[in-house]
PDB file of all heavy atoms in Angstrom:
ATOM      1  N   SER A   1     110.319 -25.397 273.433  1.00  0.00           N
ATOM      2  CA  SER A   1     111.148 -26.036 274.451  1.00  0.00           C
ATOM      3  C   SER A   1     110.381 -25.981 275.762  1.00  0.00           C
ATOM      4  O   SER A   1     109.669 -25.010 276.037  1.00  0.00           O
ATOM      5  CB  SER A   1     112.512 -25.346 274.593  1.00  0.00           C
ATOM      6  OG  SER A   1     112.352 -24.017 275.048  1.00  0.00           O
ATOM      7  N   VAL A   2     110.502 -27.050 276.570  1.00  0.00           N
ATOM      8  CA  VAL A   2     109.894 -27.097 277.900  1.00  0.00           C
ATOM      9  C   VAL A   2     111.022 -27.123 278.907  1.00  0.00           C
ATOM     10  O   VAL A   2     111.936 -27.938 278.810  1.00  0.00           O
ATOM     11  CB  VAL A   2     108.997 -28.339 278.067  1.00  0.00           C
ATOM     12  CG1 VAL A   2     108.424 -28.389 279.486  1.00  0.00           C
ATOM     13  CG2 VAL A   2     107.877 -28.327 277.040  1.00  0.00           C
ATOM     14  N   ASN A   3     110.951 -26.202 279.860  1.00  0.00           N
ATOM     15  CA  ASN A   3     112.070 -25.972 280.765  1.00  0.00           C
ATOM     16  C   ASN A   3     111.645 -26.121 282.215  1.00  0.00           C
ATOM     17  O   ASN A   3     110.494 -25.859 282.566  1.00  0.00           O
ATOM     18  CB  ASN A   3     112.625 -24.566 280.542  1.00  0.00           C
ATOM     19  CG  ASN A   3     112.952 -24.302 279.086  1.00  0.00           C
ATOM     20  OD1 ASN A   3     114.053 -24.565 278.640  1.00  0.00           O
ATOM     21  ND2 ASN A   3     111.976 -23.796 278.335  1.00  0.00           N
ATOM     22  N   ASN A   4     112.588 -26.499 283.049  1.00  0.00           N
ATOM     23  CA  ASN A   4     112.337 -26.661 284.479  1.00  0.00           C
ATOM     24  C   ASN A   4     112.674 -25.392 285.254  1.00  0.00           C
ATOM     25  O   ASN A   4     113.612 -24.678 284.918  1.00  0.00           O
ATOM     26  CB  ASN A   4     113.190 -27.796 285.056  1.00  0.00           C
ATOM     27  CG  ASN A   4     112.433 -29.102 285.062  1.00  0.00           C
ATOM     28  OD1 ASN A   4     111.274 -29.157 284.692  1.00  0.00           O
ATOM     29  ND2 ASN A   4     113.121 -30.159 285.461  1.00  0.00           N
ATOM     30  N   PHE A   5     111.937 -25.164 286.331  1.00  0.00           N
ATOM     31  CA  PHE A   5     112.378 -24.202 287.326  1.00  0.00           C
ATOM     32  C   PHE A   5     113.625 -24.763 288.022  1.00  0.00           C
ATOM     33  O   PHE A   5     113.853 -25.967 288.059  1.00  0.00           O
ATOM     34  CB  PHE A   5     111.307 -23.988 288.398  1.00  0.00           C
ATOM     35  CG  PHE A   5     110.081 -23.276 287.910  1.00  0.00           C
ATOM     36  CD1 PHE A   5     108.918 -23.979 287.683  1.00  0.00           C
ATOM     37  CD2 PHE A   5     110.085 -21.910 287.713  1.00  0.00           C
ATOM     38  CE1 PHE A   5     107.772 -23.341 287.257  1.00  0.00           C
ATOM     39  CE2 PHE A   5     108.949 -21.256 287.287  1.00  0.00           C
ATOM     40  CZ  PHE A   5     107.778 -21.969 287.051  1.00  0.00           C
ATOM     41  N   SER A   6     114.387 -23.854 288.596  1.00  0.00           N
ATOM     42  CA  SER A   6     115.541 -24.262 289.397  1.00  0.00           C
ATOM     43  C   SER A   6     115.555 -23.447 290.680  1.00  0.00           C
ATOM     44  O   SER A   6     114.996 -22.364 290.748  1.00  0.00           O
ATOM     45  CB  SER A   6     116.837 -24.047 288.619  1.00  0.00           C
ATOM     46  OG  SER A   6     117.943 -24.184 289.469  1.00  0.00           O
ATOM     47  N   ASP A   7     116.180 -23.958 291.696  1.00  0.00           N
ATOM     48  CA  ASP A   7     116.267 -23.246 292.970  1.00  0.00           C
ATOM     49  C   ASP A   7     117.431 -22.263 293.016  1.00  0.00           C
ATOM     50  O   ASP A   7     117.584 -21.536 293.987  1.00  0.00           O
ATOM     51  CB  ASP A   7     116.436 -24.250 294.123  1.00  0.00           C
ATOM     52  CG  ASP A   7     115.154 -25.029 294.349  1.00  0.00           C
ATOM     53  OD1 ASP A   7     114.087 -24.460 294.080  1.00  0.00           O
ATOM     54  OD2 ASP A   7     115.237 -26.186 294.772  1.00  0.00           O
ATOM     55  N   SER A   8     118.266 -22.243 291.996  1.00  0.00           N
ATOM     56  CA  SER A   8     119.412 -21.331 292.044  1.00  0.00           C
ATOM     57  C   SER A   8     118.967 -19.894 291.816  1.00  0.00           C
ATOM     58  O   SER A   8     117.939 -19.628 291.206  1.00  0.00           O
ATOM     59  CB  SER A   8     120.446 -21.741 290.991  1.00  0.00           C
ATOM     60  OG  SER A   8     119.932 -21.513 289.701  1.00  0.00           O
ATOM     61  N   ASN A   9     119.735 -18.957 292.291  1.00  0.00           N
ATOM     62  CA  ASN A   9     119.389 -17.536 292.236  1.00  0.00           C
ATOM     63  C   ASN A   9     120.264 -16.860 291.192  1.00  0.00           C
ATOM     64  O   ASN A   9     121.375 -16.429 291.472  1.00  0.00           O
ATOM     65  CB  ASN A   9     119.603 -16.906 293.609  1.00  0.00           C
ATOM     66  CG  ASN A   9     119.111 -15.469 293.628  1.00  0.00           C
ATOM     67  OD1 ASN A   9     118.513 -15.001 292.662  1.00  0.00           O
ATOM     68  ND2 ASN A   9     119.359 -14.789 294.726  1.00  0.00           N
ATOM     69  N   GLU A  10     119.748 -16.783 289.972  1.00  0.00           N
ATOM     70  CA  GLU A  10     120.523 -16.197 288.888  1.00  0.00           C
ATOM     71  C   GLU A  10     120.539 -14.679 288.960  1.00  0.00           C
ATOM     72  O   GLU A  10     119.627 -14.046 289.482  1.00  0.00           O
ATOM     73  CB  GLU A  10     119.934 -16.617 287.544  1.00  0.00           C
ATOM     74  CG  GLU A  10     120.325 -18.004 287.094  1.00  0.00           C
ATOM     75  CD  GLU A  10     119.978 -18.181 285.628  1.00  0.00           C
ATOM     76  OE1 GLU A  10     118.792 -18.226 285.314  1.00  0.00           O
ATOM     77  OE2 GLU A  10     120.919 -18.256 284.818  1.00  0.00           O
ATOM     78  N   THR A  11     121.549 -14.104 288.362  1.00  0.00           N
ATOM     79  CA  THR A  11     121.637 -12.657 288.236  1.00  0.00           C
ATOM     80  C   THR A  11     120.650 -12.175 287.178  1.00  0.00           C
ATOM     81  O   THR A  11     120.429 -12.842 286.176  1.00  0.00           O
ATOM     82  CB  THR A  11     123.063 -12.247 287.819  1.00  0.00           C
ATOM     83  OG1 THR A  11     123.981 -12.810 288.741  1.00  0.00           O
ATOM     84  CG2 THR A  11     123.204 -10.740 287.806  1.00  0.00           C
ATOM     85  N   GLU A  12     120.074 -11.009 287.396  1.00  0.00           N
ATOM     86  CA  GLU A  12     119.135 -10.463 286.416  1.00  0.00           C
ATOM     87  C   GLU A  12     119.881  -9.856 285.236  1.00  0.00           C
ATOM     88  O   GLU A  12     120.985  -9.338 285.370  1.00  0.00           O
ATOM     89  CB  GLU A  12     118.270  -9.373 287.061  1.00  0.00           C
ATOM     90  CG  GLU A  12     117.285  -9.896 288.078  1.00  0.00           C
ATOM     91  CD  GLU A  12     116.402  -8.776 288.632  1.00  0.00           C
ATOM     92  OE1 GLU A  12     116.525  -7.628 288.148  1.00  0.00           O
ATOM     93  OE2 GLU A  12     115.601  -9.062 289.533  1.00  0.00           O
ATOM     94  N   ASN A  13     119.243  -9.900 284.061  1.00  0.00           N
ATOM     95  CA  ASN A  13     119.749  -9.200 282.890  1.00  0.00           C
ATOM     96  C   ASN A  13     119.434  -7.705 283.013  1.00  0.00           C
ATOM     97  O   ASN A  13     118.637  -7.282 283.859  1.00  0.00           O
ATOM     98  CB  ASN A  13     119.130  -9.775 281.622  1.00  0.00           C
ATOM     99  CG  ASN A  13     119.602 -11.191 281.337  1.00  0.00           C
ATOM    100  OD1 ASN A  13     120.794 -11.448 281.265  1.00  0.00           O
ATOM    101  ND2 ASN A  13     118.653 -12.110 281.183  1.00  0.00           N
ATOM    102  N   ASP A  14     120.045  -6.934 282.133  1.00  0.00           N
ATOM    103  CA  ASP A  14     119.824  -5.485 282.170  1.00  0.00           C
ATOM    104  C   ASP A  14     118.380  -5.128 281.810  1.00  0.00           C
ATOM    105  O   ASP A  14     117.844  -4.144 282.311  1.00  0.00           O
ATOM    106  CB  ASP A  14     120.783  -4.780 281.205  1.00  0.00           C
ATOM    107  CG  ASP A  14     122.233  -4.862 281.664  1.00  0.00           C
ATOM    108  OD1 ASP A  14     122.448  -5.055 282.882  1.00  0.00           O
ATOM    109  OD2 ASP A  14     123.132  -4.747 280.811  1.00  0.00           O
ATOM    110  N   ILE A  15     117.784  -5.902 280.925  1.00  0.00           N
ATOM    111  CA  ILE A  15     116.401  -5.650 280.517  1.00  0.00           C
ATOM    112  C   ILE A  15     115.496  -6.560 281.331  1.00  0.00           C
ATOM    113  O   ILE A  15     115.650  -7.791 281.309  1.00  0.00           O
ATOM    114  CB  ILE A  15     116.209  -5.913 279.012  1.00  0.00           C
ATOM    115  CG1 ILE A  15     117.130  -5.010 278.193  1.00  0.00           C
ATOM    116  CG2 ILE A  15     114.754  -5.690 278.608  1.00  0.00           C
ATOM    117  CD1 ILE A  15     117.134  -5.324 276.712  1.00  0.00           C
ATOM    118  N   VAL A  16     114.549  -5.982 282.044  1.00  0.00           N
ATOM    119  CA  VAL A  16     113.670  -6.755 282.926  1.00  0.00           C
ATOM    120  C   VAL A  16     112.213  -6.443 282.588  1.00  0.00           C
ATOM    121  O   VAL A  16     111.801  -5.274 282.568  1.00  0.00           O
ATOM    122  CB  VAL A  16     113.935  -6.441 284.412  1.00  0.00           C
ATOM    123  CG1 VAL A  16     112.988  -7.243 285.301  1.00  0.00           C
ATOM    124  CG2 VAL A  16     115.390  -6.734 284.766  1.00  0.00           C
ATOM    125  N   LEU A  17     111.446  -7.478 282.316  1.00  0.00           N
ATOM    126  CA  LEU A  17     109.999  -7.367 282.140  1.00  0.00           C
ATOM    127  C   LEU A  17     109.332  -7.939 283.379  1.00  0.00           C
ATOM    128  O   LEU A  17     109.555  -9.104 283.731  1.00  0.00           O
ATOM    129  CB  LEU A  17     109.539  -8.141 280.903  1.00  0.00           C
ATOM    130  CG  LEU A  17     108.025  -8.253 280.705  1.00  0.00           C
ATOM    131  CD1 LEU A  17     107.419  -6.882 280.404  1.00  0.00           C
ATOM    132  CD2 LEU A  17     107.693  -9.248 279.599  1.00  0.00           C
ATOM    133  N   THR A  18     108.531  -7.145 284.051  1.00  0.00           N
ATOM    134  CA  THR A  18     107.851  -7.580 285.271  1.00  0.00           C
ATOM    135  C   THR A  18     106.364  -7.763 284.985  1.00  0.00           C
ATOM    136  O   THR A  18     105.701  -6.848 284.491  1.00  0.00           O
ATOM    137  CB  THR A  18     108.039  -6.558 286.399  1.00  0.00           C
ATOM    138  OG1 THR A  18     109.440  -6.376 286.637  1.00  0.00           O
ATOM    139  CG2 THR A  18     107.363  -7.028 287.674  1.00  0.00           C
ATOM    140  N   VAL A  19     105.840  -8.952 285.293  1.00  0.00           N
ATOM    141  CA  VAL A  19     104.414  -9.218 285.119  1.00  0.00           C
ATOM    142  C   VAL A  19     103.773  -9.406 286.486  1.00  0.00           C
ATOM    143  O   VAL A  19     104.420  -9.856 287.434  1.00  0.00           O
ATOM    144  CB  VAL A  19     104.166 -10.461 284.229  1.00  0.00           C
ATOM    145  CG1 VAL A  19     104.771 -10.259 282.853  1.00  0.00           C
ATOM    146  CG2 VAL A  19     104.720 -11.723 284.872  1.00  0.00           C
ATOM    147  N   ASN A  20     102.493  -9.057 286.556  1.00  0.00           N
ATOM    148  CA  ASN A  20     101.780  -9.163 287.827  1.00  0.00           C
ATOM    149  C   ASN A  20     100.336  -9.540 287.533  1.00  0.00           C
ATOM    150  O   ASN A  20      99.545  -8.716 287.068  1.00  0.00           O
ATOM    151  CB  ASN A  20     101.842  -7.847 288.594  1.00  0.00           C
ATOM    152  CG  ASN A  20     101.297  -7.970 290.005  1.00  0.00           C
ATOM    153  OD1 ASN A  20     100.483  -8.847 290.298  1.00  0.00           O
ATOM    154  ND2 ASN A  20     101.737  -7.084 290.901  1.00  0.00           N
ATOM    155  N   SER A  21      99.980 -10.784 287.809  1.00  0.00           N
ATOM    156  CA  SER A  21      98.635 -11.270 287.502  1.00  0.00           C
ATOM    157  C   SER A  21      97.592 -10.751 288.487  1.00  0.00           C
ATOM    158  O   SER A  21      96.389 -10.950 288.276  1.00  0.00           O
ATOM    159  CB  SER A  21      98.614 -12.801 287.490  1.00  0.00           C
ATOM    160  OG  SER A  21      99.048 -13.331 288.730  1.00  0.00           O
ATOM    161  N   ALA A  22      98.026 -10.088 289.545  1.00  0.00           N
ATOM    162  CA  ALA A  22      97.072  -9.482 290.476  1.00  0.00           C
ATOM    163  C   ALA A  22      96.458  -8.208 289.895  1.00  0.00           C
ATOM    164  O   ALA A  22      95.405  -7.761 290.350  1.00  0.00           O
ATOM    165  CB  ALA A  22      97.748  -9.172 291.805  1.00  0.00           C
ATOM    166  N   ASN A  23      97.146  -7.626 288.896  1.00  0.00           N
ATOM    167  CA  ASN A  23      96.642  -6.419 288.238  1.00  0.00           C
ATOM    168  C   ASN A  23      96.072  -6.796 286.882  1.00  0.00           C
ATOM    169  O   ASN A  23      96.819  -7.060 285.936  1.00  0.00           O
ATOM    170  CB  ASN A  23      97.767  -5.399 288.063  1.00  0.00           C
ATOM    171  CG  ASN A  23      98.312  -4.903 289.384  1.00  0.00           C
ATOM    172  OD1 ASN A  23      97.605  -4.887 290.386  1.00  0.00           O
ATOM    173  ND2 ASN A  23      99.578  -4.512 289.402  1.00  0.00           N
ATOM    174  N   THR A  24      94.749  -6.842 286.789  1.00  0.00           N
ATOM    175  CA  THR A  24      94.092  -7.257 285.552  1.00  0.00           C
ATOM    176  C   THR A  24      93.421  -6.072 284.878  1.00  0.00           C
ATOM    177  O   THR A  24      92.985  -5.120 285.536  1.00  0.00           O
ATOM    178  CB  THR A  24      93.046  -8.349 285.818  1.00  0.00           C
ATOM    179  OG1 THR A  24      92.055  -7.853 286.725  1.00  0.00           O
ATOM    180  CG2 THR A  24      93.700  -9.590 286.408  1.00  0.00           C
ATOM    181  N   TYR A  25      93.321  -6.167 283.545  1.00  0.00           N
ATOM    182  CA  TYR A  25      92.736  -5.096 282.755  1.00  0.00           C
ATOM    183  C   TYR A  25      91.566  -5.656 281.942  1.00  0.00           C
ATOM    184  O   TYR A  25      90.676  -6.273 282.517  1.00  0.00           O
ATOM    185  CB  TYR A  25      93.823  -4.448 281.883  1.00  0.00           C
ATOM    186  CG  TYR A  25      94.945  -3.864 282.728  1.00  0.00           C
ATOM    187  CD1 TYR A  25      96.076  -4.613 283.042  1.00  0.00           C
ATOM    188  CD2 TYR A  25      94.843  -2.577 283.237  1.00  0.00           C
ATOM    189  CE1 TYR A  25      97.089  -4.085 283.828  1.00  0.00           C
ATOM    190  CE2 TYR A  25      95.842  -2.035 284.043  1.00  0.00           C
ATOM    191  CZ  TYR A  25      96.962  -2.800 284.327  1.00  0.00           C
ATOM    192  OH  TYR A  25      97.951  -2.286 285.120  1.00  0.00           O
ATOM    193  N   GLN A  26      91.581  -5.494 280.625  1.00  0.00           N
ATOM    194  CA  GLN A  26      90.411  -5.902 279.844  1.00  0.00           C
ATOM    195  C   GLN A  26      90.319  -7.420 279.687  1.00  0.00           C
ATOM    196  O   GLN A  26      91.318  -8.140 279.732  1.00  0.00           O
ATOM    197  CB  GLN A  26      90.422  -5.235 278.467  1.00  0.00           C
ATOM    198  CG  GLN A  26      91.438  -5.804 277.463  1.00  0.00           C
ATOM    199  CD  GLN A  26      92.774  -5.104 277.521  1.00  0.00           C
ATOM    200  OE1 GLN A  26      93.201  -4.628 278.570  1.00  0.00           O
ATOM    201  NE2 GLN A  26      93.478  -5.052 276.395  1.00  0.00           N
ATOM    202  N   THR A  27      89.083  -7.879 279.494  1.00  0.00           N
ATOM    203  CA  THR A  27      88.831  -9.282 279.173  1.00  0.00           C
ATOM    204  C   THR A  27      88.997  -9.487 277.672  1.00  0.00           C
ATOM    205  O   THR A  27      88.449  -8.724 276.874  1.00  0.00           O
ATOM    206  CB  THR A  27      87.406  -9.693 279.576  1.00  0.00           C
ATOM    207  OG1 THR A  27      87.214  -9.408 280.963  1.00  0.00           O
ATOM    208  CG2 THR A  27      87.166 -11.165 279.319  1.00  0.00           C
ATOM    209  N   ILE A  28      89.726 -10.511 277.303  1.00  0.00           N
ATOM    210  CA  ILE A  28      90.007 -10.771 275.894  1.00  0.00           C
ATOM    211  C   ILE A  28      88.850 -11.564 275.276  1.00  0.00           C
ATOM    212  O   ILE A  28      88.404 -12.566 275.818  1.00  0.00           O
ATOM    213  CB  ILE A  28      91.336 -11.542 275.737  1.00  0.00           C
ATOM    214  CG1 ILE A  28      92.480 -10.761 276.390  1.00  0.00           C
ATOM    215  CG2 ILE A  28      91.619 -11.812 274.266  1.00  0.00           C
ATOM    216  CD1 ILE A  28      92.672  -9.357 275.878  1.00  0.00           C
ATOM    217  N   GLN A  29      88.393 -11.093 274.108  1.00  0.00           N
ATOM    218  CA  GLN A  29      87.304 -11.768 273.399  1.00  0.00           C
ATOM    219  C   GLN A  29      87.804 -12.783 272.379  1.00  0.00           C
ATOM    220  O   GLN A  29      87.081 -13.723 272.056  1.00  0.00           O
ATOM    221  CB  GLN A  29      86.421 -10.741 272.694  1.00  0.00           C
ATOM    222  CG  GLN A  29      85.704  -9.792 273.651  1.00  0.00           C
ATOM    223  CD  GLN A  29      84.583  -9.062 272.950  1.00  0.00           C
ATOM    224  OE1 GLN A  29      83.653  -9.666 272.408  1.00  0.00           O
ATOM    225  NE2 GLN A  29      84.667  -7.750 272.943  1.00  0.00           N
ATOM    226  N   GLY A  30      89.012 -12.592 271.852  1.00  0.00           N
ATOM    227  CA  GLY A  30      89.541 -13.597 270.945  1.00  0.00           C
ATOM    228  C   GLY A  30      90.099 -13.020 269.657  1.00  0.00           C
ATOM    229  O   GLY A  30      90.239 -11.807 269.491  1.00  0.00           O
ATOM    230  N   PHE A  31      90.394 -13.928 268.732  1.00  0.00           N
ATOM    231  CA  PHE A  31      91.061 -13.610 267.474  1.00  0.00           C
ATOM    232  C   PHE A  31      90.319 -14.298 266.329  1.00  0.00           C
ATOM    233  O   PHE A  31      89.600 -15.262 266.534  1.00  0.00           O
ATOM    234  CB  PHE A  31      92.516 -14.065 267.520  1.00  0.00           C
ATOM    235  CG  PHE A  31      93.288 -13.446 268.655  1.00  0.00           C
ATOM    236  CD1 PHE A  31      93.255 -14.011 269.933  1.00  0.00           C
ATOM    237  CD2 PHE A  31      94.011 -12.285 268.464  1.00  0.00           C
ATOM    238  CE1 PHE A  31      93.949 -13.428 270.986  1.00  0.00           C
ATOM    239  CE2 PHE A  31      94.711 -11.699 269.517  1.00  0.00           C
ATOM    240  CZ  PHE A  31      94.676 -12.267 270.775  1.00  0.00           C
ATOM    241  N   GLY A  32      90.514 -13.786 265.120  1.00  0.00           N
ATOM    242  CA  GLY A  32      89.817 -14.400 263.993  1.00  0.00           C
ATOM    243  C   GLY A  32      90.183 -13.761 262.678  1.00  0.00           C
ATOM    244  O   GLY A  32      91.146 -13.003 262.555  1.00  0.00           O
ATOM    245  N   GLY A  33      89.367 -14.074 261.666  1.00  0.00           N
ATOM    246  CA  GLY A  33      89.585 -13.553 260.322  1.00  0.00           C
ATOM    247  C   GLY A  33      88.269 -13.456 259.581  1.00  0.00           C
ATOM    248  O   GLY A  33      87.213 -13.814 260.109  1.00  0.00           O
ATOM    249  N   ALA A  34      88.323 -12.980 258.350  1.00  0.00           N
ATOM    250  CA  ALA A  34      87.121 -12.732 257.554  1.00  0.00           C
ATOM    251  C   ALA A  34      86.939 -13.797 256.481  1.00  0.00           C
ATOM    252  O   ALA A  34      87.888 -14.138 255.766  1.00  0.00           O
ATOM    253  CB  ALA A  34      87.180 -11.359 256.917  1.00  0.00           C
ATOM    254  N   MET A  35      85.694 -14.286 256.376  1.00  0.00           N
ATOM    255  CA  MET A  35      85.317 -15.180 255.290  1.00  0.00           C
ATOM    256  C   MET A  35      84.639 -14.326 254.217  1.00  0.00           C
ATOM    257  O   MET A  35      83.433 -14.175 254.166  1.00  0.00           O
ATOM    258  CB  MET A  35      84.384 -16.286 255.791  1.00  0.00           C
ATOM    259  CG  MET A  35      83.992 -17.303 254.723  1.00  0.00           C
ATOM    260  SD  MET A  35      85.392 -18.210 254.017  1.00  0.00           S
ATOM    261  CE  MET A  35      85.775 -19.342 255.370  1.00  0.00           C
ATOM    262  N   THR A  36      85.463 -13.713 253.384  1.00  0.00           N
ATOM    263  CA  THR A  36      84.974 -12.917 252.269  1.00  0.00           C
ATOM    264  C   THR A  36      84.644 -13.817 251.086  1.00  0.00           C
ATOM    265  O   THR A  36      84.958 -15.014 251.087  1.00  0.00           O
ATOM    266  CB  THR A  36      86.044 -11.916 251.834  1.00  0.00           C
ATOM    267  OG1 THR A  36      87.227 -12.656 251.481  1.00  0.00           O
ATOM    268  CG2 THR A  36      86.389 -10.941 252.964  1.00  0.00           C
ATOM    269  N   ASP A  37      84.056 -13.222 250.041  1.00  0.00           N
ATOM    270  CA  ASP A  37      83.873 -13.979 248.801  1.00  0.00           C
ATOM    271  C   ASP A  37      85.211 -14.503 248.306  1.00  0.00           C
ATOM    272  O   ASP A  37      85.335 -15.672 247.899  1.00  0.00           O
ATOM    273  CB  ASP A  37      83.264 -13.083 247.713  1.00  0.00           C
ATOM    274  CG  ASP A  37      81.808 -12.743 247.960  1.00  0.00           C
ATOM    275  OD1 ASP A  37      81.239 -13.202 248.967  1.00  0.00           O
ATOM    276  OD2 ASP A  37      81.232 -12.006 247.129  1.00  0.00           O
ATOM    277  N   ALA A  38      86.228 -13.629 248.327  1.00  0.00           N
ATOM    278  CA  ALA A  38      87.548 -14.009 247.816  1.00  0.00           C
ATOM    279  C   ALA A  38      88.128 -15.182 248.598  1.00  0.00           C
ATOM    280  O   ALA A  38      88.681 -16.122 248.018  1.00  0.00           O
ATOM    281  CB  ALA A  38      88.492 -12.813 247.875  1.00  0.00           C
TER     282      ALA A  38
END
């Protein structure tokens, strides 16, 4: 689903996840799998 921002000020839920892109940690190298004989 693609959703719009809104200017209204909603009440927060009891569970809150806070993200902060100013605080960075490791650089991600990626994902993959194995090409075995099987």
